[in-house]
Amino acid sequence: LIDTFLESSFFHQYYTKISLKNTRKPLITSDNP
């Protein structure tokens, strides 16, 4: 819980350029997405 709050705060301040992308081939995901 606490690590998530701190990571989110860090994320909010530095990773500020957001974009939505479409792919040409289907994506997979994982147990570590």
PDB file of all heavy atoms in Angstrom:
ATOM      1  N   LEU A   1       0.821  -1.209   0.000  1.00  0.00           N
ATOM      2  CA  LEU A   1       0.000   0.000   0.000  1.00  0.00           C
ATOM      3  C   LEU A   1       0.856   1.262   0.000  1.00  0.00           C
ATOM      4  O   LEU A   1       0.671   2.154  -0.839  1.00  0.00           O
ATOM      5  CB  LEU A   1      -0.921  -0.008   1.215  1.00  0.00           C
ATOM      6  CG  LEU A   1      -1.865   1.183   1.332  1.00  0.00           C
ATOM      7  CD1 LEU A   1      -2.929   1.122   0.243  1.00  0.00           C
ATOM      8  CD2 LEU A   1      -2.516   1.240   2.707  1.00  0.00           C
ATOM      9  N   ILE A   2       1.796   1.344   0.918  1.00  0.00           N
ATOM     10  CA  ILE A   2       2.585   2.574   1.047  1.00  0.00           C
ATOM     11  C   ILE A   2       3.509   2.757  -0.147  1.00  0.00           C
ATOM     12  O   ILE A   2       3.667   3.873  -0.664  1.00  0.00           O
ATOM     13  CB  ILE A   2       3.397   2.555   2.363  1.00  0.00           C
ATOM     14  CG1 ILE A   2       2.453   2.395   3.560  1.00  0.00           C
ATOM     15  CG2 ILE A   2       4.188   3.845   2.502  1.00  0.00           C
ATOM     16  CD1 ILE A   2       3.167   2.179   4.883  1.00  0.00           C
ATOM     17  N   ASP A   3       4.126   1.675  -0.597  1.00  0.00           N
ATOM     18  CA  ASP A   3       5.009   1.761  -1.754  1.00  0.00           C
ATOM     19  C   ASP A   3       4.241   2.259  -2.974  1.00  0.00           C
ATOM     20  O   ASP A   3       4.752   3.058  -3.768  1.00  0.00           O
ATOM     21  CB  ASP A   3       5.624   0.389  -2.043  1.00  0.00           C
ATOM     22  CG  ASP A   3       6.717   0.466  -3.089  1.00  0.00           C
ATOM     23  OD1 ASP A   3       7.873   0.746  -2.737  1.00  0.00           O
ATOM     24  OD2 ASP A   3       6.403   0.266  -4.278  1.00  0.00           O
ATOM     25  N   THR A   4       2.998   1.820  -3.113  1.00  0.00           N
ATOM     26  CA  THR A   4       2.174   2.262  -4.235  1.00  0.00           C
ATOM     27  C   THR A   4       1.907   3.754  -4.166  1.00  0.00           C
ATOM     28  O   THR A   4       1.981   4.464  -5.175  1.00  0.00           O
ATOM     29  CB  THR A   4       0.842   1.495  -4.259  1.00  0.00           C
ATOM     30  OG1 THR A   4       1.110   0.108  -4.448  1.00  0.00           O
ATOM     31  CG2 THR A   4      -0.040   1.985  -5.387  1.00  0.00           C
ATOM     32  N   PHE A   5       1.577   4.254  -2.993  1.00  0.00           N
ATOM     33  CA  PHE A   5       1.339   5.694  -2.846  1.00  0.00           C
ATOM     34  C   PHE A   5       2.577   6.502  -3.239  1.00  0.00           C
ATOM     35  O   PHE A   5       2.475   7.525  -3.922  1.00  0.00           O
ATOM     36  CB  PHE A   5       0.947   6.025  -1.406  1.00  0.00           C
ATOM     37  CG  PHE A   5      -0.418   5.536  -1.007  1.00  0.00           C
ATOM     38  CD1 PHE A   5      -0.683   5.177   0.300  1.00  0.00           C
ATOM     39  CD2 PHE A   5      -1.441   5.433  -1.930  1.00  0.00           C
ATOM     40  CE1 PHE A   5      -1.944   4.726   0.692  1.00  0.00           C
ATOM     41  CE2 PHE A   5      -2.703   4.986  -1.563  1.00  0.00           C
ATOM     42  CZ  PHE A   5      -2.956   4.637  -0.255  1.00  0.00           C
ATOM     43  N   LEU A   6       3.736   6.037  -2.807  1.00  0.00           N
ATOM     44  CA  LEU A   6       4.965   6.768  -3.102  1.00  0.00           C
ATOM     45  C   LEU A   6       5.329   6.669  -4.583  1.00  0.00           C
ATOM     46  O   LEU A   6       5.748   7.658  -5.194  1.00  0.00           O
ATOM     47  CB  LEU A   6       6.106   6.240  -2.233  1.00  0.00           C
ATOM     48  CG  LEU A   6       5.954   6.471  -0.724  1.00  0.00           C
ATOM     49  CD1 LEU A   6       7.152   5.904   0.023  1.00  0.00           C
ATOM     50  CD2 LEU A   6       5.799   7.955  -0.406  1.00  0.00           C
ATOM     51  N   GLU A   7       5.200   5.472  -5.157  1.00  0.00           N
ATOM     52  CA  GLU A   7       5.480   5.302  -6.581  1.00  0.00           C
ATOM     53  C   GLU A   7       4.533   6.168  -7.415  1.00  0.00           C
ATOM     54  O   GLU A   7       4.932   6.776  -8.414  1.00  0.00           O
ATOM     55  CB  GLU A   7       5.326   3.835  -6.984  1.00  0.00           C
ATOM     56  CG  GLU A   7       6.381   2.902  -6.435  1.00  0.00           C
ATOM     57  CD  GLU A   7       7.730   3.067  -7.097  1.00  0.00           C
ATOM     58  OE1 GLU A   7       7.867   3.930  -7.989  1.00  0.00           O
ATOM     59  OE2 GLU A   7       8.658   2.334  -6.728  1.00  0.00           O
ATOM     60  N   SER A   8       3.267   6.207  -7.011  1.00  0.00           N
ATOM     61  CA  SER A   8       2.286   7.004  -7.739  1.00  0.00           C
ATOM     62  C   SER A   8       2.630   8.490  -7.685  1.00  0.00           C
ATOM     63  O   SER A   8       2.486   9.209  -8.677  1.00  0.00           O
ATOM     64  CB  SER A   8       0.891   6.765  -7.155  1.00  0.00           C
ATOM     65  OG  SER A   8      -0.073   7.529  -7.813  1.00  0.00           O
ATOM     66  N   SER A   9       3.094   8.951  -6.532  1.00  0.00           N
ATOM     67  CA  SER A   9       3.491  10.353  -6.390  1.00  0.00           C
ATOM     68  C   SER A   9       4.672  10.673  -7.304  1.00  0.00           C
ATOM     69  O   SER A   9       4.701  11.707  -7.988  1.00  0.00           O
ATOM     70  CB  SER A   9       3.853  10.648  -4.934  1.00  0.00           C
ATOM     71  OG  SER A   9       4.302  11.975  -4.783  1.00  0.00           O
ATOM     72  N   PHE A  10       5.647   9.759  -7.341  1.00  0.00           N
ATOM     73  CA  PHE A  10       6.813   9.926  -8.208  1.00  0.00           C
ATOM     74  C   PHE A  10       6.385   9.916  -9.678  1.00  0.00           C
ATOM     75  O   PHE A  10       6.798  10.768 -10.479  1.00  0.00           O
ATOM     76  CB  PHE A  10       7.804   8.792  -7.937  1.00  0.00           C
ATOM     77  CG  PHE A  10       9.013   8.811  -8.811  1.00  0.00           C
ATOM     78  CD1 PHE A  10      10.064   9.675  -8.557  1.00  0.00           C
ATOM     79  CD2 PHE A  10       9.117   7.946  -9.896  1.00  0.00           C
ATOM     80  CE1 PHE A  10      11.188   9.693  -9.372  1.00  0.00           C
ATOM     81  CE2 PHE A  10      10.227   7.952 -10.716  1.00  0.00           C
ATOM     82  CZ  PHE A  10      11.262   8.826 -10.445  1.00  0.00           C
ATOM     83  N   PHE A  11       5.552   8.972 -10.008  1.00  0.00           N
ATOM     84  CA  PHE A  11       5.015   8.821 -11.358  1.00  0.00           C
ATOM     85  C   PHE A  11       4.302  10.099 -11.793  1.00  0.00           C
ATOM     86  O   PHE A  11       4.495  10.604 -12.905  1.00  0.00           O
ATOM     87  CB  PHE A  11       4.057   7.628 -11.308  1.00  0.00           C
ATOM     88  CG  PHE A  11       3.451   7.199 -12.618  1.00  0.00           C
ATOM     89  CD1 PHE A  11       3.860   7.727 -13.832  1.00  0.00           C
ATOM     90  CD2 PHE A  11       2.461   6.231 -12.635  1.00  0.00           C
ATOM     91  CE1 PHE A  11       3.292   7.319 -15.018  1.00  0.00           C
ATOM     92  CE2 PHE A  11       1.887   5.813 -13.814  1.00  0.00           C
ATOM     93  CZ  PHE A  11       2.299   6.363 -15.006  1.00  0.00           C
ATOM     94  N   HIS A  12       3.478  10.654 -10.907  1.00  0.00           N
ATOM     95  CA  HIS A  12       2.656  11.820 -11.225  1.00  0.00           C
ATOM     96  C   HIS A  12       3.509  13.041 -11.555  1.00  0.00           C
ATOM     97  O   HIS A  12       3.108  13.893 -12.356  1.00  0.00           O
ATOM     98  CB  HIS A  12       1.735  12.131 -10.044  1.00  0.00           C
ATOM     99  CG  HIS A  12       0.820  13.295 -10.274  1.00  0.00           C
ATOM    100  ND1 HIS A  12      -0.186  13.267 -11.215  1.00  0.00           N
ATOM    101  CD2 HIS A  12       0.761  14.519  -9.699  1.00  0.00           C
ATOM    102  CE1 HIS A  12      -0.826  14.422 -11.201  1.00  0.00           C
ATOM    103  NE2 HIS A  12      -0.276  15.203 -10.301  1.00  0.00           N
ATOM    104  N   GLN A  13       4.664  13.131 -10.968  1.00  0.00           N
ATOM    105  CA  GLN A  13       5.492  14.314 -11.160  1.00  0.00           C
ATOM    106  C   GLN A  13       6.441  14.224 -12.341  1.00  0.00           C
ATOM    107  O   GLN A  13       6.833  15.250 -12.892  1.00  0.00           O
ATOM    108  CB  GLN A  13       6.291  14.581  -9.882  1.00  0.00           C
ATOM    109  CG  GLN A  13       5.409  14.970  -8.716  1.00  0.00           C
ATOM    110  CD  GLN A  13       6.230  15.233  -7.477  1.00  0.00           C
ATOM    111  OE1 GLN A  13       6.834  16.281  -7.344  1.00  0.00           O
ATOM    112  NE2 GLN A  13       6.249  14.276  -6.575  1.00  0.00           N
ATOM    113  N   TYR A  14       6.817  13.017 -12.732  1.00  0.00           N
ATOM    114  CA  TYR A  14       7.853  12.892 -13.747  1.00  0.00           C
ATOM    115  C   TYR A  14       7.364  12.324 -15.080  1.00  0.00           C
ATOM    116  O   TYR A  14       7.835  12.724 -16.137  1.00  0.00           O
ATOM    117  CB  TYR A  14       8.997  12.043 -13.215  1.00  0.00           C
ATOM    118  CG  TYR A  14       9.733  12.710 -12.088  1.00  0.00           C
ATOM    119  CD1 TYR A  14       9.466  12.398 -10.759  1.00  0.00           C
ATOM    120  CD2 TYR A  14      10.692  13.703 -12.351  1.00  0.00           C
ATOM    121  CE1 TYR A  14      10.126  13.039  -9.721  1.00  0.00           C
ATOM    122  CE2 TYR A  14      11.361  14.349 -11.318  1.00  0.00           C
ATOM    123  CZ  TYR A  14      11.072  14.008 -10.008  1.00  0.00           C
ATOM    124  OH  TYR A  14      11.719  14.648  -8.985  1.00  0.00           O
ATOM    125  N   TYR A  15       6.414  11.376 -15.038  1.00  0.00           N
ATOM    126  CA  TYR A  15       5.932  10.765 -16.282  1.00  0.00           C
ATOM    127  C   TYR A  15       4.637  11.464 -16.693  1.00  0.00           C
ATOM    128  O   TYR A  15       3.540  10.954 -16.506  1.00  0.00           O
ATOM    129  CB  TYR A  15       5.728   9.268 -16.089  1.00  0.00           C
ATOM    130  CG  TYR A  15       7.011   8.537 -15.789  1.00  0.00           C
ATOM    131  CD1 TYR A  15       7.509   8.441 -14.494  1.00  0.00           C
ATOM    132  CD2 TYR A  15       7.761   7.962 -16.815  1.00  0.00           C
ATOM    133  CE1 TYR A  15       8.696   7.783 -14.217  1.00  0.00           C
ATOM    134  CE2 TYR A  15       8.956   7.306 -16.551  1.00  0.00           C
ATOM    135  CZ  TYR A  15       9.413   7.220 -15.252  1.00  0.00           C
ATOM    136  OH  TYR A  15      10.601   6.564 -14.987  1.00  0.00           O
ATOM    137  N   THR A  16       4.777  12.627 -17.277  1.00  0.00           N
ATOM    138  CA  THR A  16       3.639  13.526 -17.466  1.00  0.00           C
ATOM    139  C   THR A  16       3.103  13.547 -18.900  1.00  0.00           C
ATOM    140  O   THR A  16       2.034  14.104 -19.152  1.00  0.00           O
ATOM    141  CB  THR A  16       4.030  14.958 -17.077  1.00  0.00           C
ATOM    142  OG1 THR A  16       5.194  15.342 -17.800  1.00  0.00           O
ATOM    143  CG2 THR A  16       4.314  15.035 -15.584  1.00  0.00           C
ATOM    144  N   LYS A  17       3.835  13.008 -19.856  1.00  0.00           N
ATOM    145  CA  LYS A  17       3.376  12.975 -21.246  1.00  0.00           C
ATOM    146  C   LYS A  17       2.632  11.661 -21.479  1.00  0.00           C
ATOM    147  O   LYS A  17       3.232  10.598 -21.506  1.00  0.00           O
ATOM    148  CB  LYS A  17       4.560  13.103 -22.206  1.00  0.00           C
ATOM    149  CG  LYS A  17       5.254  14.444 -22.164  1.00  0.00           C
ATOM    150  CD  LYS A  17       6.514  14.448 -23.014  1.00  0.00           C
ATOM    151  CE  LYS A  17       6.205  14.227 -24.475  1.00  0.00           C
ATOM    152  NZ  LYS A  17       7.434  14.290 -25.307  1.00  0.00           N
ATOM    153  N   ILE A  18       1.320  11.737 -21.637  1.00  0.00           N
ATOM    154  CA  ILE A  18       0.508  10.534 -21.777  1.00  0.00           C
ATOM    155  C   ILE A  18      -0.024  10.419 -23.202  1.00  0.00           C
ATOM    156  O   ILE A  18      -0.417  11.407 -23.811  1.00  0.00           O
ATOM    157  CB  ILE A  18      -0.661  10.538 -20.773  1.00  0.00           C
ATOM    158  CG1 ILE A  18      -1.553   9.304 -20.977  1.00  0.00           C
ATOM    159  CG2 ILE A  18      -1.494  11.799 -20.882  1.00  0.00           C
ATOM    160  CD1 ILE A  18      -2.639   9.170 -19.941  1.00  0.00           C
ATOM    161  N   SER A  19       0.009   9.204 -23.738  1.00  0.00           N
ATOM    162  CA  SER A  19      -0.546   8.979 -25.073  1.00  0.00           C
ATOM    163  C   SER A  19      -1.155   7.589 -25.135  1.00  0.00           C
ATOM    164  O   SER A  19      -0.744   6.672 -24.417  1.00  0.00           O
ATOM    165  CB  SER A  19       0.530   9.139 -26.152  1.00  0.00           C
ATOM    166  OG  SER A  19       1.625   8.269 -25.905  1.00  0.00           O
ATOM    167  N   LEU A  20      -2.163   7.451 -25.971  1.00  0.00           N
ATOM    168  CA  LEU A  20      -2.825   6.174 -26.219  1.00  0.00           C
ATOM    169  C   LEU A  20      -2.389   5.689 -27.595  1.00  0.00           C
ATOM    170  O   LEU A  20      -2.472   6.431 -28.573  1.00  0.00           O
ATOM    171  CB  LEU A  20      -4.339   6.338 -26.175  1.00  0.00           C
ATOM    172  CG  LEU A  20      -5.180   5.130 -26.585  1.00  0.00           C
ATOM    173  CD1 LEU A  20      -5.012   3.989 -25.584  1.00  0.00           C
ATOM    174  CD2 LEU A  20      -6.648   5.520 -26.704  1.00  0.00           C
ATOM    175  N   LYS A  21      -1.921   4.456 -27.677  1.00  0.00           N
ATOM    176  CA  LYS A  21      -1.411   3.922 -28.930  1.00  0.00           C
ATOM    177  C   LYS A  21      -2.208   2.694 -29.362  1.00  0.00           C
ATOM    178  O   LYS A  21      -2.581   1.860 -28.531  1.00  0.00           O
ATOM    179  CB  LYS A  21       0.060   3.522 -28.772  1.00  0.00           C
ATOM    180  CG  LYS A  21       0.994   4.673 -28.407  1.00  0.00           C
ATOM    181  CD  LYS A  21       1.183   5.631 -29.564  1.00  0.00           C
ATOM    182  CE  LYS A  21       2.210   6.702 -29.239  1.00  0.00           C
ATOM    183  NZ  LYS A  21       2.430   7.634 -30.355  1.00  0.00           N
ATOM    184  N   ASN A  22      -2.441   2.590 -30.661  1.00  0.00           N
ATOM    185  CA  ASN A  22      -3.008   1.387 -31.252  1.00  0.00           C
ATOM    186  C   ASN A  22      -1.887   0.561 -31.870  1.00  0.00           C
ATOM    187  O   ASN A  22      -0.872   1.116 -32.305  1.00  0.00           O
ATOM    188  CB  ASN A  22      -4.033   1.747 -32.337  1.00  0.00           C
ATOM    189  CG  ASN A  22      -5.220   2.487 -31.767  1.00  0.00           C
ATOM    190  OD1 ASN A  22      -5.766   2.108 -30.742  1.00  0.00           O
ATOM    191  ND2 ASN A  22      -5.622   3.568 -32.435  1.00  0.00           N
ATOM    192  N   THR A  23      -2.065  -0.756 -31.908  1.00  0.00           N
ATOM    193  CA  THR A  23      -1.027  -1.614 -32.450  1.00  0.00           C
ATOM    194  C   THR A  23      -1.484  -2.285 -33.741  1.00  0.00           C
ATOM    195  O   THR A  23      -2.678  -2.443 -33.992  1.00  0.00           O
ATOM    196  CB  THR A  23      -0.636  -2.710 -31.433  1.00  0.00           C
ATOM    197  OG1 THR A  23      -1.793  -3.500 -31.135  1.00  0.00           O
ATOM    198  CG2 THR A  23      -0.094  -2.098 -30.167  1.00  0.00           C
ATOM    199  N   ARG A  24      -0.505  -2.704 -34.537  1.00  0.00           N
ATOM    200  CA  ARG A  24      -0.807  -3.405 -35.781  1.00  0.00           C
ATOM    201  C   ARG A  24      -0.976  -4.903 -35.531  1.00  0.00           C
ATOM    202  O   ARG A  24      -1.683  -5.586 -36.255  1.00  0.00           O
ATOM    203  CB  ARG A  24       0.324  -3.182 -36.785  1.00  0.00           C
ATOM    204  CG  ARG A  24       0.477  -1.742 -37.242  1.00  0.00           C
ATOM    205  CD  ARG A  24       1.851  -1.500 -37.826  1.00  0.00           C
ATOM    206  NE  ARG A  24       2.889  -1.664 -36.802  1.00  0.00           N
ATOM    207  CZ  ARG A  24       4.187  -1.707 -37.073  1.00  0.00           C
ATOM    208  NH1 ARG A  24       4.609  -1.621 -38.320  1.00  0.00           N
ATOM    209  NH2 ARG A  24       5.075  -1.850 -36.108  1.00  0.00           N
ATOM    210  N   LYS A  25      -0.297  -5.395 -34.519  1.00  0.00           N
ATOM    211  CA  LYS A  25      -0.381  -6.807 -34.157  1.00  0.00           C
ATOM    212  C   LYS A  25      -0.864  -6.901 -32.713  1.00  0.00           C
ATOM    213  O   LYS A  25      -0.612  -5.996 -31.912  1.00  0.00           O
ATOM    214  CB  LYS A  25       0.991  -7.476 -34.292  1.00  0.00           C
ATOM    215  CG  LYS A  25       1.533  -7.465 -35.711  1.00  0.00           C
ATOM    216  CD  LYS A  25       2.927  -8.090 -35.759  1.00  0.00           C
ATOM    217  CE  LYS A  25       3.489  -8.029 -37.180  1.00  0.00           C
ATOM    218  NZ  LYS A  25       4.870  -8.597 -37.244  1.00  0.00           N
ATOM    219  N   PRO A  26      -1.551  -7.984 -32.361  1.00  0.00           N
ATOM    220  CA  PRO A  26      -2.112  -8.072 -31.001  1.00  0.00           C
ATOM    221  C   PRO A  26      -1.041  -8.133 -29.923  1.00  0.00           C
ATOM    222  O   PRO A  26       0.004  -8.742 -30.085  1.00  0.00           O
ATOM    223  CB  PRO A  26      -2.937  -9.365 -31.043  1.00  0.00           C
ATOM    224  CG  PRO A  26      -2.382 -10.137 -32.189  1.00  0.00           C
ATOM    225  CD  PRO A  26      -1.925  -9.137 -33.191  1.00  0.00           C
ATOM    226  N   LEU A  27      -1.329  -7.463 -28.806  1.00  0.00           N
ATOM    227  CA  LEU A  27      -0.432  -7.435 -27.664  1.00  0.00           C
ATOM    228  C   LEU A  27      -0.714  -8.606 -26.730  1.00  0.00           C
ATOM    229  O   LEU A  27      -1.845  -9.054 -26.592  1.00  0.00           O
ATOM    230  CB  LEU A  27      -0.617  -6.140 -26.876  1.00  0.00           C
ATOM    231  CG  LEU A  27      -0.265  -4.830 -27.585  1.00  0.00           C
ATOM    232  CD1 LEU A  27      -0.702  -3.649 -26.732  1.00  0.00           C
ATOM    233  CD2 LEU A  27       1.221  -4.763 -27.875  1.00  0.00           C
ATOM    234  N   ILE A  28       0.333  -9.072 -26.082  1.00  0.00           N
ATOM    235  CA  ILE A  28       0.188  -9.996 -24.969  1.00  0.00           C
ATOM    236  C   ILE A  28       0.476  -9.221 -23.690  1.00  0.00           C
ATOM    237  O   ILE A  28       0.970  -8.096 -23.724  1.00  0.00           O
ATOM    238  CB  ILE A  28       1.139 -11.206 -25.086  1.00  0.00           C
ATOM    239  CG1 ILE A  28       2.612 -10.743 -25.001  1.00  0.00           C
ATOM    240  CG2 ILE A  28       0.884 -11.971 -26.379  1.00  0.00           C
ATOM    241  CD1 ILE A  28       3.612 -11.889 -24.952  1.00  0.00           C
ATOM    242  N   THR A  29       0.158  -9.817 -22.549  1.00  0.00           N
ATOM    243  CA  THR A  29       0.561  -9.234 -21.272  1.00  0.00           C
ATOM    244  C   THR A  29       1.043 -10.375 -20.382  1.00  0.00           C
ATOM    245  O   THR A  29       1.210 -11.498 -20.856  1.00  0.00           O
ATOM    246  CB  THR A  29      -0.582  -8.406 -20.641  1.00  0.00           C
ATOM    247  OG1 THR A  29      -0.072  -7.699 -19.505  1.00  0.00           O
ATOM    248  CG2 THR A  29      -1.757  -9.266 -20.236  1.00  0.00           C
ATOM    249  N   SER A  30       1.276 -10.099 -19.111  1.00  0.00           N
ATOM    250  CA  SER A  30       1.928 -11.112 -18.285  1.00  0.00           C
ATOM    251  C   SER A  30       1.569 -10.950 -16.817  1.00  0.00           C
ATOM    252  O   SER A  30       0.776 -10.088 -16.439  1.00  0.00           O
ATOM    253  CB  SER A  30       3.451 -11.012 -18.443  1.00  0.00           C
ATOM    254  OG  SER A  30       3.941  -9.832 -17.809  1.00  0.00           O
ATOM    255  N   ASP A  31       2.186 -11.794 -15.987  1.00  0.00           N
ATOM    256  CA  ASP A  31       2.005 -11.680 -14.540  1.00  0.00           C
ATOM    257  C   ASP A  31       2.814 -10.521 -13.966  1.00  0.00           C
ATOM    258  O   ASP A  31       2.825 -10.286 -12.761  1.00  0.00           O
ATOM    259  CB  ASP A  31       2.357 -12.997 -13.846  1.00  0.00           C
ATOM    260  CG  ASP A  31       3.738 -13.525 -14.228  1.00  0.00           C
ATOM    261  OD1 ASP A  31       4.549 -12.755 -14.794  1.00  0.00           O
ATOM    262  OD2 ASP A  31       4.009 -14.724 -13.987  1.00  0.00           O
ATOM    263  N   ASN A  32       3.494  -9.777 -14.827  1.00  0.00           N
ATOM    264  CA  ASN A  32       4.246  -8.574 -14.450  1.00  0.00           C
ATOM    265  C   ASN A  32       3.991  -7.532 -15.546  1.00  0.00           C
ATOM    266  O   ASN A  32       4.855  -7.245 -16.364  1.00  0.00           O
ATOM    267  CB  ASN A  32       5.734  -8.904 -14.335  1.00  0.00           C
ATOM    268  CG  ASN A  32       6.554  -7.749 -13.793  1.00  0.00           C
ATOM    269  OD1 ASN A  32       6.023  -6.753 -13.327  1.00  0.00           O
ATOM    270  ND2 ASN A  32       7.871  -7.878 -13.881  1.00  0.00           N
ATOM    271  N   PRO A  33       2.765  -6.976 -15.615  1.00  0.00           N
ATOM    272  CA  PRO A  33       2.295  -6.294 -16.828  1.00  0.00           C
ATOM    273  C   PRO A  33       2.864  -4.918 -17.133  1.00  0.00           C
ATOM    274  O   PRO A  33       2.838  -4.489 -18.284  1.00  0.00           O
ATOM    275  CB  PRO A  33       0.787  -6.201 -16.602  1.00  0.00           C
ATOM    276  CG  PRO A  33       0.608  -6.213 -15.117  1.00  0.00           C
ATOM    277  CD  PRO A  33       1.702  -7.082 -14.587  1.00  0.00           C
TER     278      PRO A  33
END
